[in-house]
C-alpha atoms as a PDB file:
ATOM      1  CA  MET A   1     -23.192  46.783   3.779  1.00  0.00           C
ATOM      2  CA  SER A   2     -24.603  50.180   2.829  1.00  0.00           C
ATOM      3  CA  LEU A   3     -26.799  52.672   4.616  1.00  0.00           C
ATOM      4  CA  LEU A   4     -29.939  53.528   2.665  1.00  0.00           C
ATOM      5  CA  THR A   5     -31.253  57.089   2.854  1.00  0.00           C
ATOM      6  CA  ASP A   6     -33.947  59.098   1.137  1.00  0.00           C
ATOM      7  CA  GLU A   7     -33.495  62.455  -0.686  1.00  0.00           C
ATOM      8  CA  THR A   8     -33.499  64.321   2.603  1.00  0.00           C
ATOM      9  CA  GLY A   9     -30.839  62.109   4.178  1.00  0.00           C
ATOM     10  CA  LYS A  10     -33.248  60.289   6.455  1.00  0.00           C
ATOM     11  CA  GLU A  11     -32.020  56.781   7.203  1.00  0.00           C
ATOM     12  CA  LEU A  12     -34.277  54.125   5.747  1.00  0.00           C
ATOM     13  CA  GLY A  13     -32.305  50.981   6.425  1.00  0.00           C
ATOM     14  CA  ILE A  14     -29.283  48.960   5.526  1.00  0.00           C
ATOM     15  CA  ALA A  15     -28.618  47.134   2.284  1.00  0.00           C
ATOM     16  CA  THR A  16     -26.541  43.978   2.383  1.00  0.00           C
ATOM     17  CA  VAL A  17     -25.396  41.459  -0.169  1.00  0.00           C
ATOM     18  CA  ALA A  18     -25.250  37.793   0.779  1.00  0.00           C
ATOM     19  CA  GLN A  19     -23.839  34.948  -1.192  1.00  0.00           C
ATOM     20  CA  ASP A  20     -24.827  31.322  -0.695  1.00  0.00           C
ATOM     21  CA  ILE A  21     -21.589  29.368  -0.226  1.00  0.00           C
ATOM     22  CA  SER A  22     -23.202  26.059   0.750  1.00  0.00           C
ATOM     23  CA  GLU A  23     -22.198  24.454  -2.574  1.00  0.00           C
ATOM     24  CA  ARG A  24     -18.595  25.618  -2.104  1.00  0.00           C
ATOM     25  CA  LYS A  25     -18.554  24.234   1.462  1.00  0.00           C
ATOM     26  CA  LYS A  26     -20.021  20.946   0.276  1.00  0.00           C
ATOM     27  CA  ALA A  27     -17.398  20.685  -2.480  1.00  0.00           C
ATOM     28  CA  GLU A  28     -14.603  21.408   0.017  1.00  0.00           C
ATOM     29  CA  GLU A  29     -15.895  18.712   2.388  1.00  0.00           C
ATOM     30  CA  GLU A  30     -16.063  16.245  -0.505  1.00  0.00           C
ATOM     31  CA  ARG A  31     -12.510  17.141  -1.539  1.00  0.00           C
ATOM     32  CA  LEU A  32     -11.256  16.578   2.022  1.00  0.00           C
ATOM     33  CA  SER A  33     -13.082  13.244   2.203  1.00  0.00           C
ATOM     34  CA  LEU A  34     -11.542  12.107  -1.081  1.00  0.00           C
ATOM     35  CA  GLN A  35      -8.094  13.267   0.057  1.00  0.00           C
ATOM     36  CA  LYS A  36      -8.424  11.174   3.251  1.00  0.00           C
ATOM     37  CA  LYS A  37      -9.412   8.144   1.179  1.00  0.00           C
ATOM     38  CA  LEU A  38      -6.462   8.689  -1.160  1.00  0.00           C
ATOM     39  CA  ASP A  39      -4.093   9.009   1.804  1.00  0.00           C
ATOM     40  CA  GLN A  40      -5.402   5.709   3.213  1.00  0.00           C
ATOM     41  CA  VAL A  41      -5.000   3.956  -0.143  1.00  0.00           C
ATOM     42  CA  GLU A  42      -1.411   5.222  -0.366  1.00  0.00           C
ATOM     43  CA  LYS A  43      -0.707   3.977   3.176  1.00  0.00           C
ATOM     44  CA  ASP A  44      -2.202   0.585   2.353  1.00  0.00           C
ATOM     45  CA  ASP A  45      -0.129   0.385  -0.836  1.00  0.00           C
ATOM     46  CA  SER A  46       3.061   1.246   1.048  1.00  0.00           C
ATOM     47  CA  LEU A  47       2.297  -1.366   3.691  1.00  0.00           C
ATOM     48  CA  ALA A  48       1.622  -4.007   1.027  1.00  0.00           C
ATOM     49  CA  ARG A  49       4.915  -3.207  -0.715  1.00  0.00           C
ATOM     50  CA  MET A  50       6.808  -3.406   2.562  1.00  0.00           C
ATOM     51  CA  ALA A  51       5.152  -6.726   3.466  1.00  0.00           C
ATOM     52  CA  GLY A  52       6.036  -8.079   0.024  1.00  0.00           C
ATOM     53  CA  ALA A  53       9.663  -7.028   0.433  1.00  0.00           C
ATOM     54  CA  VAL A  54       9.872  -8.631   3.880  1.00  0.00           C
ATOM     55  CA  ALA A  55       8.325 -11.857   2.541  1.00  0.00           C
ATOM     56  CA  HIS A  56      10.727 -11.837  -0.414  1.00  0.00           C
ATOM     57  CA  ASN A  57      13.766 -11.385   1.840  1.00  0.00           C
ATOM     58  CA  PHE A  58      12.521 -14.074   4.223  1.00  0.00           C
ATOM     59  CA  ASN A  59      11.985 -16.446   1.294  1.00  0.00           C
ATOM     60  CA  ASN A  60      15.546 -15.788   0.068  1.00  0.00           C
ATOM     61  CA  MET A  61      16.986 -16.598   3.506  1.00  0.00           C
ATOM     62  CA  LEU A  62      14.800 -19.689   3.791  1.00  0.00           C
ATOM     63  CA  ALA A  63      15.880 -20.888   0.342  1.00  0.00           C
ATOM     64  CA  ALA A  64      19.538 -20.616   1.374  1.00  0.00           C
ATOM     65  CA  ILE A  65      18.875 -22.590   4.565  1.00  0.00           C
ATOM     66  CA  ILE A  66      16.931 -25.288   2.732  1.00  0.00           C
ATOM     67  CA  GLY A  67      19.601 -25.474   0.031  1.00  0.00           C
ATOM     68  CA  ASN A  68      22.316 -25.999   2.620  1.00  0.00           C
ATOM     69  CA  LEU A  69      20.221 -28.672   4.366  1.00  0.00           C
ATOM     70  CA  GLU A  70      19.676 -30.480   1.077  1.00  0.00           C
ATOM     71  CA  LEU A  71      23.410 -30.419   0.364  1.00  0.00           C
ATOM     72  CA  ALA A  72      24.123 -31.789   3.843  1.00  0.00           C
ATOM     73  CA  MET A  73      21.534 -34.546   3.318  1.00  0.00           C
ATOM     74  CA  LEU A  74      23.069 -35.450  -0.036  1.00  0.00           C
ATOM     75  CA  GLU A  75      26.511 -35.600   1.490  1.00  0.00           C
ATOM     76  CA  LEU A  76      25.244 -37.916   4.226  1.00  0.00           C
ATOM     77  CA  ALA A  77      23.414 -40.040   1.651  1.00  0.00           C
ATOM     78  CA  TRP A  78      26.576 -40.458  -0.467  1.00  0.00           C
ATOM     79  CA  GLU A  79      28.493 -41.525   2.637  1.00  0.00           C
ATOM     80  CA  HIS A  80      25.918 -43.941   4.080  1.00  0.00           C
ATOM     81  CA  PHE A  81      23.888 -45.144   1.080  1.00  0.00           C
ATOM     82  CA  PRO A  82      26.179 -45.254  -1.983  1.00  0.00           C
ATOM     83  CA  GLY A  83      24.014 -47.847  -3.780  1.00  0.00           C
ATOM     84  CA  LEU A  84      20.869 -45.720  -3.503  1.00  0.00           C
ATOM     85  CA  CYS A  85      22.705 -42.625  -4.671  1.00  0.00           C
ATOM     86  CA  ALA A  86      24.081 -44.457  -7.699  1.00  0.00           C
ATOM     87  CA  PHE A  87      20.539 -45.590  -8.559  1.00  0.00           C
ATOM     88  CA  VAL A  88      19.193 -42.047  -8.270  1.00  0.00           C
ATOM     89  CA  LYS A  89      22.058 -40.709 -10.384  1.00  0.00           C
ATOM     90  CA  ARG A  90      21.392 -43.285 -13.145  1.00  0.00           C
ATOM     91  CA  ARG A  91      17.651 -42.657 -12.979  1.00  0.00           C
ATOM     92  CA  TYR A  92      17.929 -38.890 -13.460  1.00  0.00           C
ATOM     93  CA  SER A  93      20.719 -39.027 -16.009  1.00  0.00           C
ATOM     94  CA  GLU A  94      18.416 -41.026 -18.327  1.00  0.00           C
ATOM     95  CA  LYS A  95      15.971 -38.078 -18.649  1.00  0.00           C
END
């Protein structure tokens, strides 16, 4: 801001310079909006990875349980149904 005077020093007014920063403000708001969206995408990705890891670990535990149950069932079958087990063994050994 500057004081404007004439040749005699009489004050005439004030000179100011203004700059329109609306485009800069709009760009900053857009950048913040995009950053929020990126943050949400990263959160969603992290959550999906964690859910996948939990599902994978659960599946591994479940596979071990099912495997042990199948072994127990086979053991019972060999003890109580030897003829059926022999048939199954012959059937699958042919393939």
